[in-house]
N, C-alpha and C. Protein backbone atom coordinates (compact mmCIF):
# COMPACT_ATOMS: atom_id res chain seq x y z
N UNK A 1 28.63 -26.27 28.88
CA UNK A 1 27.24 -26.56 29.19
C UNK A 1 26.40 -25.32 28.67
N UNK A 2 25.31 -25.69 28.09
CA UNK A 2 24.47 -24.56 27.63
C UNK A 2 23.32 -24.31 28.47
N UNK A 3 22.80 -23.07 28.43
CA UNK A 3 21.78 -22.65 29.20
C UNK A 3 20.42 -23.28 28.72
N UNK A 4 19.43 -23.61 29.53
CA UNK A 4 18.17 -23.99 28.97
C UNK A 4 17.43 -22.81 28.29
N UNK A 5 16.68 -23.09 27.39
CA UNK A 5 15.97 -22.00 26.64
C UNK A 5 14.70 -21.67 27.51
N UNK A 6 14.42 -20.40 27.63
CA UNK A 6 13.27 -19.96 28.35
C UNK A 6 12.14 -19.59 27.43
N UNK A 7 10.96 -19.98 27.76
CA UNK A 7 9.86 -19.52 26.97
C UNK A 7 9.10 -18.53 27.87
N UNK A 8 8.27 -17.72 27.03
CA UNK A 8 7.49 -16.63 27.68
C UNK A 8 6.28 -17.30 28.33
N UNK A 9 5.87 -16.79 29.46
CA UNK A 9 4.63 -17.35 30.19
C UNK A 9 3.47 -17.03 29.19
N UNK A 10 2.51 -17.96 29.39
CA UNK A 10 1.14 -17.79 28.60
C UNK A 10 0.33 -16.70 29.17
N UNK A 11 0.65 -15.44 29.03
CA UNK A 11 -0.15 -14.33 29.54
C UNK A 11 -0.88 -13.64 28.33
N UNK A 12 -1.85 -12.84 28.62
CA UNK A 12 -2.58 -12.06 27.51
C UNK A 12 -1.58 -11.27 26.64
N UNK A 13 -0.52 -10.78 27.28
CA UNK A 13 0.42 -9.95 26.49
C UNK A 13 1.25 -10.84 25.47
N UNK A 14 1.30 -12.06 25.82
CA UNK A 14 2.24 -12.94 24.94
C UNK A 14 1.51 -14.00 24.15
N UNK A 15 0.23 -13.79 23.91
CA UNK A 15 -0.46 -14.74 23.11
C UNK A 15 -0.49 -14.32 21.63
N UNK A 16 -0.99 -15.23 20.78
CA UNK A 16 -1.10 -14.92 19.39
C UNK A 16 -1.99 -13.74 19.17
N UNK A 17 -1.63 -12.83 18.18
CA UNK A 17 -2.36 -11.64 17.97
C UNK A 17 -3.81 -11.94 17.57
N UNK A 18 -4.60 -10.91 17.50
CA UNK A 18 -6.03 -10.97 17.10
C UNK A 18 -6.12 -11.40 15.58
N UNK A 19 -6.93 -12.37 15.37
CA UNK A 19 -7.20 -12.78 13.93
C UNK A 19 -8.49 -12.07 13.40
N UNK A 20 -8.32 -11.23 12.40
CA UNK A 20 -9.41 -10.56 11.72
C UNK A 20 -10.07 -11.43 10.72
N UNK A 21 -11.39 -11.53 10.76
CA UNK A 21 -12.05 -12.34 9.72
C UNK A 21 -11.77 -11.76 8.30
N UNK A 22 -11.65 -12.66 7.29
CA UNK A 22 -11.34 -12.27 5.98
C UNK A 22 -12.54 -11.34 5.40
N UNK A 23 -13.78 -11.53 5.89
CA UNK A 23 -14.88 -10.69 5.46
C UNK A 23 -14.59 -9.30 5.79
N UNK A 24 -14.12 -9.02 7.06
CA UNK A 24 -13.89 -7.59 7.48
C UNK A 24 -12.70 -7.08 6.61
N UNK A 25 -11.64 -7.82 6.44
CA UNK A 25 -10.50 -7.25 5.68
C UNK A 25 -10.95 -6.98 4.19
N UNK A 26 -11.86 -7.86 3.69
CA UNK A 26 -12.37 -7.45 2.30
C UNK A 26 -13.19 -6.23 2.24
N UNK A 27 -14.01 -6.02 3.20
CA UNK A 27 -14.78 -4.80 3.30
C UNK A 27 -13.95 -3.61 3.41
N UNK A 28 -12.92 -3.66 4.24
CA UNK A 28 -12.02 -2.49 4.36
C UNK A 28 -11.35 -2.28 3.08
N UNK A 29 -10.86 -3.31 2.46
CA UNK A 29 -10.21 -3.23 1.14
C UNK A 29 -11.19 -2.63 0.13
N UNK A 30 -12.32 -3.07 0.08
CA UNK A 30 -13.39 -2.44 -0.89
C UNK A 30 -13.59 -0.95 -0.48
N UNK A 31 -13.61 -0.52 0.78
CA UNK A 31 -13.68 0.84 1.14
C UNK A 31 -12.61 1.68 0.72
N UNK A 32 -11.34 0.97 0.85
CA UNK A 32 -10.24 1.77 0.22
C UNK A 32 -10.24 1.90 -1.25
N UNK A 33 -10.71 0.90 -1.97
CA UNK A 33 -10.92 1.11 -3.32
C UNK A 33 -11.91 2.23 -3.69
N UNK A 34 -13.00 2.19 -3.03
CA UNK A 34 -14.02 3.28 -3.26
C UNK A 34 -13.51 4.65 -3.01
N UNK A 35 -12.79 4.74 -1.92
CA UNK A 35 -12.23 6.00 -1.54
C UNK A 35 -11.14 6.47 -2.56
N UNK A 36 -10.32 5.51 -3.04
CA UNK A 36 -9.46 5.86 -4.19
C UNK A 36 -10.20 6.46 -5.43
N UNK A 37 -11.32 5.77 -5.84
CA UNK A 37 -12.00 6.24 -6.90
C UNK A 37 -12.63 7.57 -6.63
N UNK A 38 -13.04 7.88 -5.41
CA UNK A 38 -13.56 9.20 -5.05
C UNK A 38 -12.47 10.13 -5.10
N UNK A 39 -11.26 9.78 -4.70
CA UNK A 39 -10.15 10.83 -4.72
C UNK A 39 -9.86 11.16 -6.17
N UNK A 40 -9.90 10.22 -7.09
CA UNK A 40 -9.63 10.45 -8.46
C UNK A 40 -10.77 11.35 -9.09
N UNK A 41 -11.97 11.02 -8.72
CA UNK A 41 -13.16 11.77 -9.19
C UNK A 41 -13.10 13.18 -8.73
N UNK A 42 -12.77 13.35 -7.48
CA UNK A 42 -12.72 14.81 -7.00
C UNK A 42 -11.49 15.50 -7.55
N UNK A 43 -10.50 14.90 -7.86
CA UNK A 43 -9.31 15.57 -8.45
C UNK A 43 -9.74 16.10 -9.90
N UNK A 44 -10.63 15.52 -10.54
CA UNK A 44 -10.96 15.95 -11.83
C UNK A 44 -11.94 17.08 -11.80
N UNK A 45 -12.54 17.42 -10.66
CA UNK A 45 -13.53 18.55 -10.54
C UNK A 45 -12.76 19.66 -10.01
N UNK A 46 -12.84 20.85 -10.54
CA UNK A 46 -12.30 22.06 -10.05
C UNK A 46 -13.18 22.66 -8.90
N UNK A 47 -12.64 22.40 -7.70
CA UNK A 47 -13.37 23.01 -6.54
C UNK A 47 -12.56 24.16 -5.86
N UNK A 48 -11.50 24.59 -6.63
CA UNK A 48 -10.76 25.82 -6.12
C UNK A 48 -9.85 25.27 -4.94
N UNK A 49 -9.83 26.06 -3.96
CA UNK A 49 -8.99 25.69 -2.82
C UNK A 49 -9.46 24.39 -1.98
N UNK A 50 -10.65 24.03 -2.23
CA UNK A 50 -11.20 22.89 -1.50
C UNK A 50 -10.57 21.52 -2.00
N UNK A 51 -10.00 21.53 -3.16
CA UNK A 51 -9.49 20.30 -3.73
C UNK A 51 -8.49 19.67 -2.80
N UNK A 52 -7.57 20.55 -2.17
CA UNK A 52 -6.54 20.10 -1.36
C UNK A 52 -7.17 19.57 -0.06
N UNK A 53 -8.10 20.33 0.48
CA UNK A 53 -8.72 19.91 1.77
C UNK A 53 -9.46 18.62 1.70
N UNK A 54 -10.16 18.37 0.56
CA UNK A 54 -10.90 17.18 0.31
C UNK A 54 -9.92 16.01 0.13
N UNK A 55 -8.89 16.19 -0.60
CA UNK A 55 -7.88 15.19 -0.85
C UNK A 55 -7.25 14.72 0.46
N UNK A 56 -6.91 15.74 1.34
CA UNK A 56 -6.23 15.48 2.66
C UNK A 56 -7.29 14.64 3.49
N UNK A 57 -8.60 15.08 3.57
CA UNK A 57 -9.47 14.39 4.40
C UNK A 57 -9.64 12.96 3.88
N UNK A 58 -9.76 12.69 2.59
CA UNK A 58 -9.84 11.30 2.10
C UNK A 58 -8.58 10.51 2.38
N UNK A 59 -7.46 11.08 2.35
CA UNK A 59 -6.24 10.35 2.56
C UNK A 59 -6.18 10.02 3.99
N UNK A 60 -6.72 10.95 4.88
CA UNK A 60 -6.67 10.71 6.36
C UNK A 60 -7.56 9.58 6.71
N UNK A 61 -8.81 9.51 6.10
CA UNK A 61 -9.70 8.48 6.31
C UNK A 61 -9.11 7.09 5.83
N UNK A 62 -8.50 7.14 4.66
CA UNK A 62 -7.86 5.90 4.14
C UNK A 62 -6.74 5.40 5.21
N UNK A 63 -5.83 6.30 5.56
CA UNK A 63 -4.77 5.91 6.49
C UNK A 63 -5.27 5.39 7.80
N UNK A 64 -6.41 6.01 8.21
CA UNK A 64 -7.05 5.57 9.44
C UNK A 64 -7.60 4.14 9.31
N UNK A 65 -8.26 3.73 8.20
CA UNK A 65 -8.71 2.46 7.91
C UNK A 65 -7.57 1.48 7.90
N UNK A 66 -6.44 1.79 7.29
CA UNK A 66 -5.33 0.89 7.13
C UNK A 66 -4.74 0.64 8.51
N UNK A 67 -4.64 1.71 9.32
CA UNK A 67 -3.98 1.64 10.78
C UNK A 67 -4.91 0.74 11.57
N UNK A 68 -6.22 0.94 11.40
CA UNK A 68 -7.20 0.34 12.41
C UNK A 68 -7.24 -1.06 12.15
N UNK A 69 -7.43 -1.51 10.84
CA UNK A 69 -7.60 -2.84 10.53
C UNK A 69 -6.54 -3.74 10.06
N UNK A 70 -5.66 -3.16 9.19
CA UNK A 70 -4.60 -3.94 8.69
C UNK A 70 -3.43 -3.98 9.72
N UNK A 71 -3.22 -2.87 10.55
CA UNK A 71 -2.27 -2.90 11.55
C UNK A 71 -2.83 -3.24 12.85
N UNK A 72 -4.06 -3.59 12.94
CA UNK A 72 -4.72 -4.26 14.13
C UNK A 72 -4.90 -3.20 15.24
N UNK A 73 -4.89 -1.91 15.06
CA UNK A 73 -4.96 -1.00 16.16
C UNK A 73 -6.37 -1.03 16.76
N UNK A 74 -7.32 -1.34 16.02
CA UNK A 74 -8.67 -1.39 16.60
C UNK A 74 -8.76 -2.52 17.71
N UNK A 75 -7.97 -3.46 17.63
CA UNK A 75 -8.04 -4.61 18.64
C UNK A 75 -6.94 -4.52 19.58
N UNK A 76 -6.17 -3.48 19.63
CA UNK A 76 -5.13 -3.35 20.57
C UNK A 76 -5.57 -2.52 21.79
N UNK A 77 -4.58 -2.21 22.65
CA UNK A 77 -4.91 -1.34 23.80
C UNK A 77 -5.37 0.01 23.49
N UNK A 78 -6.35 0.55 24.27
CA UNK A 78 -6.89 1.85 23.87
C UNK A 78 -5.99 3.00 23.97
N UNK A 79 -4.86 2.94 24.77
CA UNK A 79 -3.96 4.02 24.85
C UNK A 79 -3.26 4.19 23.41
N UNK A 80 -3.07 3.14 22.73
CA UNK A 80 -2.51 3.30 21.38
C UNK A 80 -3.28 4.04 20.52
N UNK A 81 -4.64 3.91 20.55
CA UNK A 81 -5.55 4.79 19.76
C UNK A 81 -5.49 6.26 20.20
N UNK A 82 -5.21 6.54 21.42
CA UNK A 82 -5.10 7.92 21.87
C UNK A 82 -3.71 8.40 21.26
N UNK A 83 -2.71 7.65 21.29
CA UNK A 83 -1.39 8.01 20.67
C UNK A 83 -1.59 8.43 19.17
N UNK A 84 -2.24 7.48 18.47
CA UNK A 84 -2.52 7.64 17.05
C UNK A 84 -3.30 8.94 16.75
N UNK A 85 -4.38 9.13 17.63
CA UNK A 85 -5.23 10.36 17.43
C UNK A 85 -4.39 11.63 17.66
N UNK A 86 -3.45 11.62 18.67
CA UNK A 86 -2.62 12.65 18.92
C UNK A 86 -1.59 12.96 17.89
N UNK A 87 -1.11 11.96 17.30
CA UNK A 87 -0.18 12.04 16.13
C UNK A 87 -0.88 12.66 14.97
N UNK A 88 -2.20 12.24 14.72
CA UNK A 88 -2.94 12.89 13.67
C UNK A 88 -3.27 14.37 13.82
N UNK A 89 -3.48 14.80 15.15
CA UNK A 89 -3.65 16.13 15.41
C UNK A 89 -2.43 16.89 15.15
N UNK A 90 -1.26 16.40 15.64
CA UNK A 90 -0.06 17.09 15.43
C UNK A 90 0.31 17.29 13.88
N UNK A 91 0.09 16.22 13.14
CA UNK A 91 0.41 16.32 11.69
C UNK A 91 -0.59 17.35 11.11
N UNK A 92 -1.82 17.35 11.46
CA UNK A 92 -2.79 18.34 10.96
C UNK A 92 -2.31 19.73 11.32
N UNK A 93 -1.80 19.88 12.65
CA UNK A 93 -1.42 21.18 13.04
C UNK A 93 -0.23 21.72 12.21
N UNK A 94 0.76 20.84 11.98
CA UNK A 94 2.03 21.22 11.29
C UNK A 94 1.74 21.52 9.78
N UNK A 95 0.73 20.70 9.14
CA UNK A 95 0.41 20.89 7.73
C UNK A 95 -0.35 22.21 7.64
N UNK A 96 -1.26 22.49 8.68
CA UNK A 96 -2.03 23.74 8.68
C UNK A 96 -1.06 25.05 8.74
N UNK A 97 -0.15 24.92 9.72
CA UNK A 97 0.74 26.06 9.78
C UNK A 97 1.55 26.29 8.55
N UNK A 98 1.85 25.13 7.82
CA UNK A 98 2.72 25.33 6.62
C UNK A 98 1.84 25.84 5.54
N UNK A 99 0.53 25.53 5.43
CA UNK A 99 -0.31 26.01 4.35
C UNK A 99 -0.66 27.45 4.60
N UNK A 100 -0.64 28.03 5.86
CA UNK A 100 -0.93 29.34 6.14
C UNK A 100 0.10 30.30 5.45
N UNK A 101 1.30 29.72 5.24
CA UNK A 101 2.33 30.61 4.71
C UNK A 101 2.59 30.57 3.22
N UNK A 102 1.69 29.67 2.44
CA UNK A 102 1.95 29.53 1.02
C UNK A 102 1.62 30.75 0.24
N UNK A 103 0.78 31.54 0.67
CA UNK A 103 0.37 32.78 -0.13
C UNK A 103 1.58 33.77 -0.17
N UNK A 104 2.37 33.72 0.84
CA UNK A 104 3.48 34.67 0.86
C UNK A 104 4.49 34.51 -0.23
N UNK A 105 4.72 33.28 -0.67
CA UNK A 105 5.73 33.09 -1.69
C UNK A 105 5.18 32.44 -2.99
N UNK A 106 3.78 32.34 -3.10
CA UNK A 106 3.23 31.72 -4.28
C UNK A 106 3.49 32.40 -5.58
N UNK A 107 3.68 33.76 -5.49
CA UNK A 107 4.04 34.65 -6.77
C UNK A 107 5.39 34.23 -7.24
N UNK A 108 6.32 33.70 -6.41
CA UNK A 108 7.60 33.24 -6.87
C UNK A 108 7.50 31.84 -7.53
N UNK A 109 6.57 31.17 -7.18
CA UNK A 109 6.52 29.75 -7.65
C UNK A 109 5.75 29.62 -8.94
N UNK A 110 4.75 30.42 -9.07
CA UNK A 110 3.78 30.39 -10.18
C UNK A 110 3.95 31.60 -11.09
N UNK A 111 4.40 31.54 -12.23
CA UNK A 111 4.66 32.73 -13.01
C UNK A 111 3.34 33.54 -13.24
N UNK A 112 3.36 34.87 -13.12
CA UNK A 112 2.18 35.73 -13.28
C UNK A 112 1.11 35.39 -12.35
N UNK A 113 1.44 34.84 -11.23
CA UNK A 113 0.32 34.58 -10.27
C UNK A 113 0.02 35.74 -9.42
N UNK A 114 1.02 36.55 -8.97
CA UNK A 114 0.74 37.66 -8.16
C UNK A 114 1.46 38.89 -8.72
N UNK A 115 1.47 39.99 -7.97
CA UNK A 115 2.05 41.18 -8.36
C UNK A 115 3.51 40.98 -8.35
N UNK A 116 4.18 41.58 -9.33
CA UNK A 116 5.71 41.43 -9.33
C UNK A 116 6.32 42.26 -8.23
N UNK A 117 7.29 41.71 -7.70
CA UNK A 117 8.15 42.45 -6.66
C UNK A 117 9.12 43.44 -7.21
N UNK A 118 9.35 44.51 -6.64
CA UNK A 118 10.43 45.43 -7.22
C UNK A 118 11.71 44.69 -7.00
N UNK A 119 12.69 44.98 -8.11
CA UNK A 119 13.96 44.39 -8.01
C UNK A 119 14.98 45.39 -7.54
């Protein structure tokens, strides 16, 4: 004898997900294309040490748009937005700490970049 199949109750947690209008998705896609063009344009301009900062900022904005609209975080529970923001802050912290140490070994990576160390 087989058990009867059970279905989930019709509660807000178990309904069909939020349907985003195509117009909104098209605008987000357009914004991602524009930001990609901006990234390429900024990469061709020599801004010194700001190139990396600007590239990371644009990449963060693009990732946020993808998470908010294509992964539907904008329409989900607010606590998940807090978790996403905390994750972004931790990634920024870890990348910042890593970048603080790059000058200590840059002369080993780039020939004739810094003073030669005694052997």
